[in-house]
């Protein structure tokens, strides 16, 4: 059963005969406003770093992200999102290297979320299980530009700072190695 078709059975009855209703787990997550996780996917090209962004159905570029999954660590849930949305196979950092705020929804009905970001060094890409996903590699400067498009200055700036923090952390690792 896929994550989108997960169901919860609830029984309610006056005379002990269960009536069954199906509720999507995604709906329950929205009700409890669960935390989001993101995979900040990167690769090294020569001396440079490239970031993998995916385009949403509405045309915005973003990091692969989704809800924290019950039974998974945040890193495991972020790795799952990277695979589902972009076909990523790689090594993900267990600890979140930063957190950022994101808004979900339209201007009239937005919901603020906290997103735990995990670095993921991409070793291989396969076709993503989710169809119609445009995934593209960008330099840090291009990634920041794409992440700012079609967003408020505050939201775009926050995503650009995630890229800056990721670059700093990756460069520190390379110096230490």
Protein backbone atom coordinates (compact mmCIF):
# COMPACT_ATOMS: atom_id res chain seq x y z
CA UNK A 1 0.00 0.00 0.00
CA UNK A 2 1.44 3.37 -0.95
CA UNK A 3 1.77 6.27 1.47
CA UNK A 4 -0.99 8.17 -0.33
CA UNK A 5 -3.44 5.31 0.12
CA UNK A 6 -2.74 4.63 3.80
CA UNK A 7 -5.98 4.27 5.69
CA UNK A 8 -7.22 4.22 9.24
CA UNK A 9 -10.32 2.24 10.11
CA UNK A 10 -12.70 3.75 12.64
CA UNK A 11 -15.74 1.86 13.91
CA UNK A 12 -18.85 3.60 15.30
CA UNK A 13 -22.08 1.79 15.95
CA UNK A 14 -25.15 1.81 18.15
CA UNK A 15 -25.59 -1.96 18.13
CA UNK A 16 -22.01 -3.26 18.04
CA UNK A 17 -22.05 -3.69 14.25
CA UNK A 18 -19.05 -1.68 13.06
CA UNK A 19 -19.50 0.91 10.39
CA UNK A 20 -16.26 1.62 8.60
CA UNK A 21 -14.97 5.00 7.51
CA UNK A 22 -11.65 5.54 5.77
CA UNK A 23 -9.51 8.56 6.54
CA UNK A 24 -6.30 9.34 4.69
CA UNK A 25 -3.27 9.57 6.98
CA UNK A 26 -2.28 12.74 5.13
CA UNK A 27 -5.53 14.30 6.38
CA UNK A 28 -4.74 13.33 9.99
CA UNK A 29 -1.27 14.84 9.66
CA UNK A 30 -2.77 18.14 8.51
CA UNK A 31 -5.13 18.10 11.49
CA UNK A 32 -2.30 17.73 13.99
CA UNK A 33 0.02 20.08 12.06
CA UNK A 34 2.95 17.69 12.21
CA UNK A 35 6.48 18.76 11.62
CA UNK A 36 7.93 18.62 8.13
CA UNK A 37 11.28 17.20 7.04
CA UNK A 38 13.39 18.12 4.01
CA UNK A 39 16.31 16.50 2.25
CA UNK A 40 18.86 19.06 1.09
CA UNK A 41 20.29 16.95 -1.73
CA UNK A 42 23.72 17.82 -3.10
CA UNK A 43 26.62 16.47 -5.13
CA UNK A 44 30.18 17.57 -5.70
CA UNK A 45 31.22 18.59 -9.22
CA UNK A 46 34.94 19.26 -9.33
CA UNK A 47 35.45 21.82 -6.56
CA UNK A 48 31.84 23.01 -6.72
CA UNK A 49 28.64 21.99 -4.99
CA UNK A 50 25.33 21.46 -6.80
CA UNK A 51 21.90 21.22 -5.19
CA UNK A 52 19.01 19.15 -6.47
CA UNK A 53 15.66 20.95 -6.42
CA UNK A 54 12.26 19.64 -7.46
CA UNK A 55 9.50 21.66 -9.02
CA UNK A 56 6.11 21.55 -7.34
CA UNK A 57 2.87 21.09 -9.26
CA UNK A 58 2.39 24.86 -8.98
CA UNK A 59 5.78 25.53 -10.58
CA UNK A 60 7.84 26.52 -7.53
CA UNK A 61 11.31 25.09 -6.98
CA UNK A 62 11.89 23.52 -3.57
CA UNK A 63 13.74 20.87 -1.64
CA UNK A 64 12.15 17.41 -1.46
CA UNK A 65 10.08 17.57 1.72
CA UNK A 66 7.06 16.16 3.46
CA UNK A 67 5.59 15.17 6.79
CA UNK A 68 7.54 13.37 9.48
CA UNK A 69 6.39 9.76 9.23
CA UNK A 70 5.32 7.77 12.30
CA UNK A 71 7.86 5.06 13.06
CA UNK A 72 10.68 6.75 11.13
CA UNK A 73 13.39 9.09 12.32
CA UNK A 74 13.32 12.53 10.74
CA UNK A 75 16.36 11.59 8.65
CA UNK A 76 14.65 8.42 7.39
CA UNK A 77 11.50 10.38 6.53
CA UNK A 78 13.60 13.01 4.67
CA UNK A 79 15.40 10.25 2.74
CA UNK A 80 12.04 8.74 1.82
CA UNK A 81 10.81 12.11 0.53
CA UNK A 82 13.99 12.54 -1.54
CA UNK A 83 13.47 9.12 -3.10
CA UNK A 84 9.72 9.57 -3.74
CA UNK A 85 9.98 13.08 -5.19
CA UNK A 86 13.35 12.95 -6.96
CA UNK A 87 14.50 9.30 -7.17
CA UNK A 88 17.48 10.04 -4.89
CA UNK A 89 19.74 7.35 -3.47
CA UNK A 90 22.44 8.62 -1.17
CA UNK A 91 23.80 9.16 2.30
CA UNK A 92 21.70 11.31 4.62
CA UNK A 93 22.87 13.05 7.76
CA UNK A 94 21.00 11.72 10.82
CA UNK A 95 20.98 15.04 12.66
CA UNK A 96 19.20 18.04 11.20
CA UNK A 97 21.72 20.75 10.31
CA UNK A 98 19.14 23.55 10.36
CA UNK A 99 15.44 24.27 10.69
CA UNK A 100 13.40 26.74 8.71
CA UNK A 101 9.85 28.00 8.50
CA UNK A 102 7.69 27.28 5.50
CA UNK A 103 4.19 28.25 4.51
CA UNK A 104 1.87 25.79 2.93
CA UNK A 105 -1.30 26.74 1.10
CA UNK A 106 -2.61 29.76 -0.72
CA UNK A 107 -2.39 33.30 0.58
CA UNK A 108 -5.94 33.13 1.96
CA UNK A 109 -5.35 29.92 3.92
CA UNK A 110 -1.69 29.52 4.81
CA UNK A 111 -0.29 27.25 7.45
CA UNK A 112 3.13 27.89 9.00
CA UNK A 113 5.30 24.80 9.44
CA UNK A 114 8.70 24.09 10.89
CA UNK A 115 10.93 22.05 8.59
CA UNK A 116 13.93 20.03 9.82
CA UNK A 117 16.55 19.99 7.07
CA UNK A 118 18.93 17.05 6.58
CA UNK A 119 21.89 17.03 4.20
CA UNK A 120 21.79 14.19 1.67
CA UNK A 121 24.82 13.44 -0.50
CA UNK A 122 23.40 11.96 -3.69
CA UNK A 123 25.15 8.88 -5.05
CA UNK A 124 22.58 7.88 -7.68
CA UNK A 125 19.33 9.04 -9.26
CA UNK A 126 16.53 6.80 -10.48
CA UNK A 127 13.23 7.88 -11.99
CA UNK A 128 11.13 9.18 -9.07
CA UNK A 129 8.09 7.10 -8.05
CA UNK A 130 5.96 10.28 -8.05
CA UNK A 131 5.16 11.14 -11.64
CA UNK A 132 5.52 14.54 -13.30
CA UNK A 133 8.41 15.66 -11.10
CA UNK A 134 10.95 18.01 -12.64
CA UNK A 135 14.24 17.65 -10.77
CA UNK A 136 17.24 19.74 -11.71
CA UNK A 137 20.76 20.40 -10.43
CA UNK A 138 21.71 24.00 -9.62
CA UNK A 139 24.81 25.80 -8.39
CA UNK A 140 24.33 27.40 -4.95
CA UNK A 141 23.70 30.83 -6.54
CA UNK A 142 21.19 29.40 -9.04
CA UNK A 143 19.47 27.36 -6.32
CA UNK A 144 19.02 30.46 -4.16
CA UNK A 145 17.62 32.36 -7.15
CA UNK A 146 15.13 29.58 -7.96
CA UNK A 147 14.08 29.24 -4.31
CA UNK A 148 13.32 32.98 -4.16
CA UNK A 149 11.10 32.92 -7.27
CA UNK A 150 7.35 33.31 -6.66
CA UNK A 151 7.83 33.69 -2.88
CA UNK A 152 7.78 36.59 -0.48
CA UNK A 153 11.17 38.17 0.27
CA UNK A 154 11.12 36.65 3.77
CA UNK A 155 10.25 33.12 2.64
CA UNK A 156 12.68 33.18 -0.27
CA UNK A 157 15.42 34.59 1.94
CA UNK A 158 14.91 31.85 4.51
CA UNK A 159 15.30 29.14 1.85
CA UNK A 160 18.39 30.90 0.46
CA UNK A 161 19.91 30.85 3.97
CA UNK A 162 19.39 27.06 4.07
CA UNK A 163 21.57 26.81 0.95
CA UNK A 164 24.23 29.06 2.55
CA UNK A 165 24.26 26.94 5.73
CA UNK A 166 24.51 23.76 3.67
CA UNK A 167 27.45 25.13 1.67
CA UNK A 168 29.26 26.13 4.88
CA UNK A 169 28.73 22.69 6.42
CA UNK A 170 29.79 20.77 3.29
CA UNK A 171 32.92 22.91 2.87
CA UNK A 172 33.83 22.34 6.53
CA UNK A 173 33.51 18.56 6.04
CA UNK A 174 35.74 18.68 2.97
CA UNK A 175 38.44 20.65 4.82
CA UNK A 176 38.33 18.17 7.72
CA UNK A 177 38.52 15.11 5.42
